Amino acid sequence: MNSVTVIGAGLAGVEACYQLSLKGIKVKLYEMKPKKKSPAHKYDGFAELVCSNSLKAMRIESAAGMLKEEMRILGSLTMKAAEKTAVSAGGALAVDREAFSDYITEYIRNDKNIEIISEEVQSIPKNDHVIIATGPLTSEALSMSIKDLCSEQYLYFHDAAAPIVTYESLDKNKVFKASRYGRGDADYINCPFEKDEYERFYNELINAESVPLKTVDTEHFSKDGFKVYEGCMPIEVLAKRGIDTMRFGPLKPVGITDPNTGKRPYAVVQLRAENKKGDFYNIVGFQTNLKFKEQKRVFSLIPGLENAEFIRFGVMHRNTFINSPKLLTEHFNMRSHKNIFFAGQITGVEGYIESAASGIVAGINMANQILGKSYLSLPEDTMIGALAKYISDESVVNFQPMGCNMGILPPLSERIKNKSERYLNIATRGINSLKSALND
């Protein structure tokens, strides 16, 4: 039987190894630690939690709670470790970082089907069965090998992303579709400002709290914003250049007429569709380094976004991820090289548990490929299935990383106003759907 090469012993890599071993498949796990570490890594163990020690909310009616329950059903090693090393964190599942890493490291090291090789992989063995799970800080040499494999400028080293909101949550009485000067198709949704609304928004924006930069980001960012090129400047940094700077930039109202007033707005924020279905919209020009709670508070001052549901907040930090919709299938293997899979944040799933979940799917499907079985295709009403569909959806425009959220799931057939009740119904539907799919 063929063995599998897994590159990277983060959450995605160890989950893939675990799933392969359960099927009796031999694995060579390459991990450059402890000989070499990225600037973000400090601990020698596997599955190191670099940022927070939280694996997000536990309640089933949350996106994270739903995802974790699906992972448990699929037999997640991450969930086993988390339950053994959990610490008190209110409604969240948080862990003792070192104990969590040690639990997983010991489990993988004691697995007779897994051989651990402490070396940096600098080139991809294209003819082997390979799972690449090297995370958002992939080494330079391997990044170049991946770039060569993909035959395109696929790497995104600076994750400069604007927030995404759901179309359903917009105030349709305030926003409108229009093209500038009435030319072409009305591809953008417009959010018009009156002068007093704009000035309030401006003052809140320039005084909002930003995310402190990490050491790994300092070569790319300054305290004042993005150093590399103007096109990815945070909106809050642009605003600090003067009260009218945004009105002559991304909020320029020229050529736009508000049908509610018959006049040109004082300023206008435009939203651009993220997919063909038009259920997600990107806030154009709003890449930002603000804290998530500040983004929710300040951007909700934009007319029409008062009750907006943010399915992804803006981010601006060092990151490496591939243009997955052009490269990967929903099974996490390449369209052009079926024997090569990707897993983890390098695929564009954002977050600890999301990365681990992708590793589970990649491991299961690699095993199925080797064993001559059908790939596991998860229903789109499951959280893992929805994430897999998102990273492989060729209709996605301007692909950016995405974490688990209720907005990427199909709506219920009946309308439920109460959000908690609605989310509970969505989660229950997805979990039942997963169980049915696994029993087929």
Protein backbone atom coordinates (compact mmCIF):
# COMPACT_ATOMS: atom_id res chain seq x y z
CA MET A 1 0.00 0.00 0.00
CA ASN A 2 1.23 3.52 -0.81
CA SER A 3 2.43 5.75 2.03
CA VAL A 4 1.54 9.44 2.31
CA THR A 5 3.84 12.39 2.87
CA VAL A 6 2.30 15.02 5.16
CA ILE A 7 4.16 18.34 5.34
CA GLY A 8 3.52 20.30 8.53
CA ALA A 9 2.50 19.18 12.03
CA GLY A 10 0.05 21.94 12.81
CA LEU A 11 -3.60 21.25 13.50
CA ALA A 12 -4.41 20.38 9.89
CA GLY A 13 -1.37 18.15 9.45
CA VAL A 14 -1.89 16.08 12.59
CA GLU A 15 -5.59 15.65 11.85
CA ALA A 16 -4.73 14.38 8.36
CA CYS A 17 -2.16 11.96 9.82
CA TYR A 18 -4.66 10.71 12.38
CA GLN A 19 -7.34 9.99 9.77
CA LEU A 20 -4.85 8.21 7.50
CA SER A 21 -3.56 6.06 10.34
CA LEU A 22 -7.10 5.06 11.31
CA LYS A 23 -7.40 3.56 7.82
CA GLY A 24 -4.10 1.68 8.25
CA ILE A 25 -2.14 3.90 5.87
CA LYS A 26 1.52 4.64 6.58
CA VAL A 27 2.47 8.30 6.91
CA LYS A 28 5.74 10.24 6.77
CA LEU A 29 5.15 13.44 8.71
CA TYR A 30 7.67 16.19 7.97
CA GLU A 31 7.96 19.00 10.53
CA MET A 32 10.83 21.49 10.55
CA LYS A 33 10.49 22.17 14.29
CA PRO A 34 12.44 22.05 16.54
CA LYS A 35 15.39 22.56 14.15
CA LYS A 36 13.76 25.60 12.54
CA LYS A 37 10.81 27.75 13.59
CA SER A 38 8.82 30.45 11.84
CA PRO A 39 8.85 33.89 13.53
CA ALA A 40 5.43 33.11 15.09
CA HIS A 41 6.27 29.73 16.62
CA LYS A 42 7.91 29.29 20.04
CA TYR A 43 7.00 25.79 21.30
CA ASP A 44 8.59 22.58 20.03
CA GLY A 45 5.40 20.52 20.14
CA PHE A 46 2.91 19.80 17.35
CA ALA A 47 -0.40 21.66 16.92
CA GLU A 48 0.98 24.80 18.57
CA LEU A 49 -1.67 27.46 19.24
CA VAL A 50 0.18 30.62 18.26
CA CYS A 51 -2.41 33.29 19.05
CA SER A 52 -5.37 32.69 21.36
CA ASN A 53 -5.86 29.51 23.38
CA SER A 54 -9.57 29.61 22.57
CA LEU A 55 -11.31 27.28 20.13
CA LYS A 56 -14.33 29.59 20.12
CA ALA A 57 -17.88 29.15 21.41
CA MET A 58 -19.24 25.85 22.65
CA ARG A 59 -22.98 26.44 22.21
CA ILE A 60 -24.37 24.38 19.37
CA GLU A 61 -26.35 27.30 17.92
CA SER A 62 -23.10 29.12 17.09
CA ALA A 63 -21.06 28.53 13.94
CA ALA A 64 -18.05 27.40 15.98
CA GLY A 65 -20.14 25.12 18.19
CA MET A 66 -21.73 23.55 15.14
CA LEU A 67 -18.34 23.02 13.50
CA LYS A 68 -16.85 21.42 16.59
CA GLU A 69 -19.78 19.00 16.88
CA GLU A 70 -19.26 17.98 13.25
CA MET A 71 -15.57 17.43 13.98
CA ARG A 72 -16.44 15.21 16.94
CA ILE A 73 -18.71 13.12 14.70
CA LEU A 74 -15.82 12.70 12.25
CA GLY A 75 -13.50 11.59 15.07
CA SER A 76 -11.32 14.67 15.50
CA LEU A 77 -8.02 14.37 17.38
CA THR A 78 -8.19 18.12 18.09
CA MET A 79 -11.49 17.69 19.92
CA LYS A 80 -10.13 14.75 21.93
CA ALA A 81 -7.12 16.83 22.99
CA ALA A 82 -9.26 19.89 23.77
CA GLU A 83 -11.57 17.92 26.05
CA LYS A 84 -8.58 16.52 27.95
CA THR A 85 -6.82 19.90 28.36
CA ALA A 86 -9.72 22.35 28.67
CA VAL A 87 -9.54 25.35 31.01
CA SER A 88 -12.37 27.51 32.32
CA ALA A 89 -13.45 30.07 29.72
CA GLY A 90 -17.15 30.75 30.21
CA GLY A 91 -19.05 29.81 27.08
CA ALA A 92 -15.92 29.15 25.02
CA LEU A 93 -13.77 26.06 24.68
CA ALA A 94 -10.27 27.10 25.73
CA VAL A 95 -7.27 24.89 26.43
CA ASP A 96 -3.95 24.85 28.24
CA ARG A 97 -1.72 25.52 25.21
CA GLU A 98 1.28 23.40 26.23
CA ALA A 99 -0.82 20.53 27.58
CA PHE A 100 -2.90 20.57 24.39
CA SER A 101 0.21 20.46 22.19
CA ASP A 102 1.84 17.81 24.37
CA TYR A 103 -1.24 15.58 24.20
CA ILE A 104 -1.31 15.67 20.40
CA THR A 105 2.47 15.37 20.04
CA GLU A 106 2.61 12.28 22.26
CA TYR A 107 -0.33 10.68 20.46
CA ILE A 108 1.24 11.19 17.01
CA ARG A 109 4.71 10.10 18.15
CA ASN A 110 3.29 6.86 19.58
CA ASP A 111 1.29 6.00 16.46
CA LYS A 112 2.95 3.02 14.76
CA ASN A 113 1.71 4.13 11.34
CA ILE A 114 3.34 7.57 11.53
CA GLU A 115 7.03 8.20 10.98
CA ILE A 116 8.16 11.67 12.09
CA ILE A 117 10.95 13.34 10.13
CA SER A 118 12.31 16.57 11.67
CA GLU A 119 13.38 18.32 8.48
CA GLU A 120 12.33 21.31 6.41
CA VAL A 121 10.79 20.28 3.11
CA GLN A 122 11.99 22.61 0.36
CA SER A 123 10.42 20.99 -2.69
CA ILE A 124 7.25 18.99 -3.25
CA PRO A 125 7.57 15.35 -4.39
CA LYS A 126 5.05 15.72 -7.22
CA ASN A 127 4.73 12.01 -7.97
CA ASP A 128 3.99 10.99 -4.37
CA HIS A 129 0.79 11.14 -2.35
CA VAL A 130 1.26 14.45 -0.52
CA ILE A 131 -0.74 16.60 1.88
CA ILE A 132 0.63 20.14 2.24
CA ALA A 133 -0.41 21.60 5.60
CA THR A 134 2.26 24.22 6.21
CA GLY A 135 0.02 27.03 7.43
CA PRO A 136 0.01 30.78 6.83
CA LEU A 137 3.76 31.11 7.43
CA THR A 138 5.06 28.58 4.91
CA SER A 139 8.85 28.76 4.51
CA GLU A 140 10.24 30.71 1.58
CA ALA A 141 11.79 27.70 -0.19
CA LEU A 142 8.61 25.62 0.00
CA SER A 143 6.50 28.62 -1.03
CA MET A 144 8.51 28.85 -4.23
CA SER A 145 8.03 25.14 -4.87
CA ILE A 146 4.28 25.49 -4.36
CA LYS A 147 4.24 28.50 -6.69
CA ASP A 148 5.96 26.40 -9.35
CA LEU A 149 3.49 23.56 -8.80
CA CYS A 150 0.49 25.83 -9.26
CA SER A 151 1.89 27.48 -12.40
CA GLU A 152 0.48 30.88 -11.48
CA GLN A 153 1.00 33.78 -9.12
CA TYR A 154 -1.06 32.04 -6.49
CA LEU A 155 0.55 33.20 -3.23
CA TYR A 156 -0.92 36.04 -1.19
CA PHE A 157 1.71 37.17 1.28
CA HIS A 158 -0.27 40.12 2.64
CA ASP A 159 -3.73 39.26 3.81
CA ALA A 160 -5.31 42.65 3.23
CA ALA A 161 -9.01 41.91 3.23
CA ALA A 162 -12.13 44.02 3.60
CA PRO A 163 -15.15 42.85 5.63
CA ILE A 164 -17.93 40.80 4.02
CA VAL A 165 -21.61 41.17 4.93
CA THR A 166 -24.71 39.24 3.95
CA TYR A 167 -27.12 40.72 1.42
CA GLU A 168 -30.09 39.61 3.53
CA SER A 169 -28.98 41.81 6.46
CA LEU A 170 -28.77 45.08 4.48
CA ASP A 171 -31.43 47.79 4.93
CA LYS A 172 -33.00 47.77 1.46
CA ASN A 173 -34.80 51.05 2.22
CA LYS A 174 -31.44 52.84 2.35
CA VAL A 175 -29.11 51.03 -0.04
CA PHE A 176 -29.53 50.91 -3.80
CA LYS A 177 -27.93 49.44 -6.90
CA ALA A 178 -26.56 51.84 -9.48
CA SER A 179 -23.72 52.37 -11.93
CA ARG A 180 -21.74 55.60 -12.16
CA TYR A 181 -23.35 58.06 -14.59
CA GLY A 182 -25.91 55.34 -15.40
CA ARG A 183 -23.38 53.57 -17.61
CA GLY A 184 -23.07 49.78 -17.70
CA ASP A 185 -24.68 47.32 -15.34
CA ALA A 186 -25.56 48.25 -11.75
CA ASP A 187 -23.03 45.84 -10.28
CA TYR A 188 -22.51 47.63 -6.96
CA ILE A 189 -24.75 48.22 -3.97
CA ASN A 190 -24.43 51.80 -2.76
CA CYS A 191 -24.69 53.10 0.81
CA PRO A 192 -25.23 56.90 0.68
CA PHE A 193 -24.04 59.32 3.39
CA GLU A 194 -25.50 62.67 4.31
CA LYS A 195 -22.89 65.19 5.53
CA ASP A 196 -23.63 64.76 9.24
CA GLU A 197 -23.67 60.95 8.94
CA TYR A 198 -20.31 61.01 7.19
CA GLU A 199 -18.71 63.29 9.77
CA ARG A 200 -19.89 61.06 12.63
CA PHE A 201 -18.56 58.00 10.84
CA TYR A 202 -15.24 59.73 10.14
CA ASN A 203 -14.70 60.73 13.77
CA GLU A 204 -15.48 57.25 15.07
CA LEU A 205 -13.23 55.65 12.45
CA ILE A 206 -10.11 57.71 13.16
CA ASN A 207 -10.49 57.12 16.91
CA ALA A 208 -11.22 53.39 16.73
CA GLU A 209 -8.85 50.86 18.27
CA SER A 210 -6.53 48.89 16.00
CA VAL A 211 -4.97 45.45 16.42
CA PRO A 212 -1.38 45.62 17.75
CA LEU A 213 1.09 44.41 15.14
CA LYS A 214 3.00 41.19 15.78
CA THR A 215 6.75 40.86 15.30
CA VAL A 216 6.19 38.74 12.21
CA ASP A 217 4.32 41.63 10.53
CA THR A 218 6.74 44.47 11.23
CA GLU A 219 8.74 44.05 8.01
CA HIS A 220 5.52 44.61 6.02
CA PHE A 221 3.62 47.11 8.17
CA SER A 222 4.44 50.26 10.08
CA LYS A 223 2.55 51.66 13.04
CA ASP A 224 0.84 54.01 10.59
CA GLY A 225 -0.38 51.31 8.26
CA PHE A 226 0.62 49.26 5.26
CA LYS A 227 4.10 50.05 3.99
CA VAL A 228 4.31 48.02 0.82
CA TYR A 229 1.79 49.66 -1.50
CA GLU A 230 -0.89 52.31 -1.30
CA GLY A 231 -3.63 50.09 -2.73
CA CYS A 232 -3.85 48.07 0.47
CA MET A 233 -3.78 50.94 2.93
CA PRO A 234 -6.13 50.45 5.89
CA ILE A 235 -9.23 52.62 5.58
CA GLU A 236 -8.60 54.10 9.05
CA VAL A 237 -5.07 55.19 8.01
CA LEU A 238 -6.42 56.80 4.84
CA ALA A 239 -9.04 58.63 6.89
CA LYS A 240 -6.37 60.11 9.18
CA ARG A 241 -4.88 61.95 6.20
CA GLY A 242 -7.83 64.35 6.27
CA ILE A 243 -11.58 64.45 6.66
CA ASP A 244 -12.22 64.52 2.89
CA THR A 245 -9.59 61.98 1.85
CA MET A 246 -12.07 59.08 1.74
CA ARG A 247 -14.53 61.21 -0.27
CA PHE A 248 -11.90 61.58 -2.98
CA GLY A 249 -10.98 57.90 -2.75
CA PRO A 250 -13.10 54.78 -2.09
CA LEU A 251 -16.11 56.83 -0.90
CA LYS A 252 -16.19 59.13 -3.94
CA PRO A 253 -19.84 59.91 -4.79
CA VAL A 254 -19.23 61.31 -8.29
CA GLY A 255 -21.59 59.88 -10.91
CA ILE A 256 -23.95 58.36 -8.32
CA THR A 257 -27.54 59.51 -7.78
CA ASP A 258 -29.50 58.39 -4.74
CA PRO A 259 -32.98 57.38 -6.02
CA ASN A 260 -34.46 58.22 -2.60
CA THR A 261 -33.39 61.88 -2.82
CA GLY A 262 -32.70 62.43 -6.52
CA LYS A 263 -29.35 63.95 -5.51
CA ARG A 264 -25.71 62.97 -5.39
CA PRO A 265 -24.78 61.67 -1.90
CA TYR A 266 -22.21 63.51 0.20
CA ALA A 267 -20.19 60.25 0.18
CA VAL A 268 -20.97 56.68 -0.77
CA VAL A 269 -19.71 53.28 0.35
CA GLN A 270 -19.95 50.61 -2.34
CA LEU A 271 -20.48 46.88 -1.84
CA ARG A 272 -19.33 44.34 -4.42
CA ALA A 273 -20.71 40.81 -4.81
CA GLU A 274 -18.41 38.02 -3.62
CA ASN A 275 -20.14 35.23 -5.55
CA LYS A 276 -22.59 34.64 -8.38
CA LYS A 277 -25.50 34.04 -6.03
CA GLY A 278 -25.06 37.54 -4.62
CA ASP A 279 -25.64 36.56 -1.01
CA PHE A 280 -22.27 37.94 0.22
CA TYR A 281 -20.98 41.47 -0.39
CA ASN A 282 -17.51 42.93 0.14
CA ILE A 283 -17.19 46.49 1.50
CA VAL A 284 -15.04 47.95 -1.27
CA GLY A 285 -11.81 49.66 -0.17
CA PHE A 286 -12.31 48.81 3.51
CA GLN A 287 -9.28 46.65 4.22
CA THR A 288 -8.58 47.42 7.84
CA ASN A 289 -6.48 46.69 10.89
CA LEU A 290 -9.22 47.60 13.39
CA LYS A 291 -10.21 45.15 16.11
CA PHE A 292 -13.21 43.04 15.16
CA LYS A 293 -15.52 44.61 17.76
CA GLU A 294 -14.51 48.06 16.49
CA GLN A 295 -15.26 47.07 12.91
CA LYS A 296 -18.74 45.97 13.95
CA ARG A 297 -19.32 49.20 15.91
CA VAL A 298 -17.91 51.68 13.40
CA PHE A 299 -18.92 50.08 10.10
CA SER A 300 -22.48 49.69 11.38
CA LEU A 301 -22.62 53.50 11.17
CA ILE A 302 -22.60 53.20 7.38
CA PRO A 303 -26.18 53.85 6.15
CA GLY A 304 -27.83 50.53 5.35
CA LEU A 305 -25.35 48.52 7.43
CA GLU A 306 -26.88 49.29 10.83
CA ASN A 307 -27.90 45.65 11.31
CA ALA A 308 -25.42 44.06 8.92
CA GLU A 309 -24.33 40.51 9.58
CA PHE A 310 -20.55 40.32 9.18
CA ILE A 311 -19.54 36.88 7.97
CA ARG A 312 -15.90 37.92 7.83
CA PHE A 313 -14.19 40.92 9.38
CA GLY A 314 -11.38 42.76 7.67
CA VAL A 315 -7.81 41.68 8.36
CA MET A 316 -4.38 43.03 7.54
CA HIS A 317 -1.43 40.85 8.46
CA ARG A 318 1.22 38.60 7.03
CA ASN A 319 -0.40 35.50 5.59
CA THR A 320 0.22 32.92 2.90
CA PHE A 321 -2.69 31.23 1.19
CA ILE A 322 -3.39 29.85 -2.26
CA ASN A 323 -6.06 30.83 -4.74
CA SER A 324 -7.96 27.67 -3.80
CA PRO A 325 -11.06 28.12 -6.01
CA LYS A 326 -8.81 27.96 -9.07
CA LEU A 327 -6.70 25.10 -7.74
CA LEU A 328 -8.62 22.80 -5.39
CA THR A 329 -11.67 20.58 -5.42
CA GLU A 330 -14.10 20.41 -2.50
CA HIS A 331 -12.16 17.28 -1.41
CA PHE A 332 -9.06 19.46 -0.87
CA ASN A 333 -6.96 17.91 -3.64
CA MET A 334 -5.65 19.76 -6.67
CA ARG A 335 -7.63 19.76 -9.89
CA SER A 336 -4.40 19.30 -11.89
CA HIS A 337 -2.57 16.89 -9.54
CA LYS A 338 -5.13 14.60 -7.91
CA ASN A 339 -2.50 13.01 -5.66
CA ILE A 340 -1.60 16.33 -4.00
CA PHE A 341 -3.88 17.70 -1.27
CA PHE A 342 -3.74 20.94 0.71
CA ALA A 343 -5.09 21.45 4.22
CA GLY A 344 -5.23 24.19 6.83
CA GLN A 345 -4.99 27.95 6.57
CA ILE A 346 -2.95 27.80 3.36
CA THR A 347 -6.22 26.76 1.65
CA GLY A 348 -8.04 29.88 2.83
CA VAL A 349 -9.93 28.49 5.81
CA GLU A 350 -9.39 30.94 8.66
CA GLY A 351 -8.97 29.79 12.24
CA TYR A 352 -7.81 26.92 14.43
CA ILE A 353 -10.83 24.66 14.25
CA GLU A 354 -11.42 25.45 10.58
CA SER A 355 -7.84 24.37 9.82
CA ALA A 356 -8.23 21.19 11.82
CA ALA A 357 -11.52 20.40 10.06
CA SER A 358 -9.90 20.78 6.64
CA GLY A 359 -7.18 18.38 7.73
CA ILE A 360 -9.81 15.80 8.67
CA VAL A 361 -11.42 16.03 5.22
CA ALA A 362 -8.06 15.97 3.40
CA GLY A 363 -6.95 12.93 5.40
CA ILE A 364 -10.18 11.02 4.82
CA ASN A 365 -10.19 11.77 1.10
CA MET A 366 -6.50 10.93 0.63
CA ALA A 367 -7.19 7.60 2.34
CA ASN A 368 -10.23 7.00 0.15
CA GLN A 369 -8.19 7.78 -2.97
CA ILE A 370 -5.49 5.27 -2.01
CA LEU A 371 -8.05 2.62 -1.02
CA GLY A 372 -9.99 3.06 -4.25
CA LYS A 373 -13.09 4.42 -2.52
CA SER A 374 -15.28 7.39 -3.41
CA TYR A 375 -14.34 10.77 -2.01
CA LEU A 376 -16.27 12.07 0.99
CA SER A 377 -18.44 14.95 -0.24
CA LEU A 378 -20.04 16.68 2.71
CA PRO A 379 -23.48 18.30 2.32
CA GLU A 380 -23.46 22.06 1.86
CA ASP A 381 -25.72 22.54 4.90
CA THR A 382 -22.92 21.20 7.15
CA MET A 383 -20.35 23.75 8.30
CA ILE A 384 -17.40 21.71 7.08
CA GLY A 385 -19.15 21.08 3.79
CA ALA A 386 -19.92 24.79 3.35
CA LEU A 387 -16.28 25.72 3.99
CA ALA A 388 -15.14 23.07 1.50
CA LYS A 389 -17.57 24.47 -1.08
CA TYR A 390 -16.35 28.02 -0.42
CA ILE A 391 -12.67 27.28 -0.98
CA SER A 392 -13.45 25.36 -4.17
CA ASP A 393 -16.14 27.66 -5.65
CA GLU A 394 -14.77 28.92 -8.96
CA SER A 395 -17.35 31.74 -9.00
CA VAL A 396 -15.82 33.42 -5.92
CA VAL A 397 -14.42 36.84 -6.81
CA ASN A 398 -11.28 38.17 -5.10
CA PHE A 399 -10.83 35.06 -2.94
CA GLN A 400 -10.00 35.75 0.71
CA PRO A 401 -9.77 33.49 3.77
CA MET A 402 -13.04 32.63 5.51
CA GLY A 403 -13.82 31.26 8.95
CA CYS A 404 -16.91 29.35 10.00
CA ASN A 405 -20.07 31.45 10.09
CA MET A 406 -23.78 30.92 9.65
CA GLY A 407 -23.85 33.15 6.59
CA ILE A 408 -22.19 30.57 4.33
CA LEU A 409 -24.92 27.99 5.01
CA PRO A 410 -28.09 27.76 2.92
CA PRO A 411 -31.12 29.40 4.57
CA LEU A 412 -33.88 27.41 6.21
CA SER A 413 -37.01 26.69 4.20
CA GLU A 414 -39.08 28.51 6.83
CA ARG A 415 -38.32 32.01 8.16
CA ILE A 416 -37.53 32.21 11.91
CA LYS A 417 -37.11 35.73 13.31
CA ASN A 418 -35.42 34.79 16.58
CA LYS A 419 -31.71 34.49 15.76
CA SER A 420 -30.84 31.93 18.46
CA GLU A 421 -33.75 29.72 17.45
CA ARG A 422 -32.91 30.12 13.76
CA TYR A 423 -29.25 29.22 14.31
CA LEU A 424 -30.18 26.23 16.45
CA ASN A 425 -32.40 24.94 13.67
CA ILE A 426 -29.63 25.49 11.11
CA ALA A 427 -27.09 23.66 13.30
CA THR A 428 -29.45 20.77 14.00
CA ARG A 429 -30.21 20.43 10.30
CA GLY A 430 -26.51 20.35 9.43
CA ILE A 431 -25.56 17.83 12.10
CA ASN A 432 -28.38 15.51 11.08
CA SER A 433 -27.36 15.94 7.45
CA LEU A 434 -23.76 14.97 8.28
CA LYS A 435 -24.88 11.84 10.13
CA SER A 436 -27.09 10.82 7.21
CA ALA A 437 -24.25 11.36 4.72
CA LEU A 438 -21.87 9.19 6.76
CA ASN A 439 -24.48 6.41 7.04
CA ASP A 440 -25.14 6.27 3.29
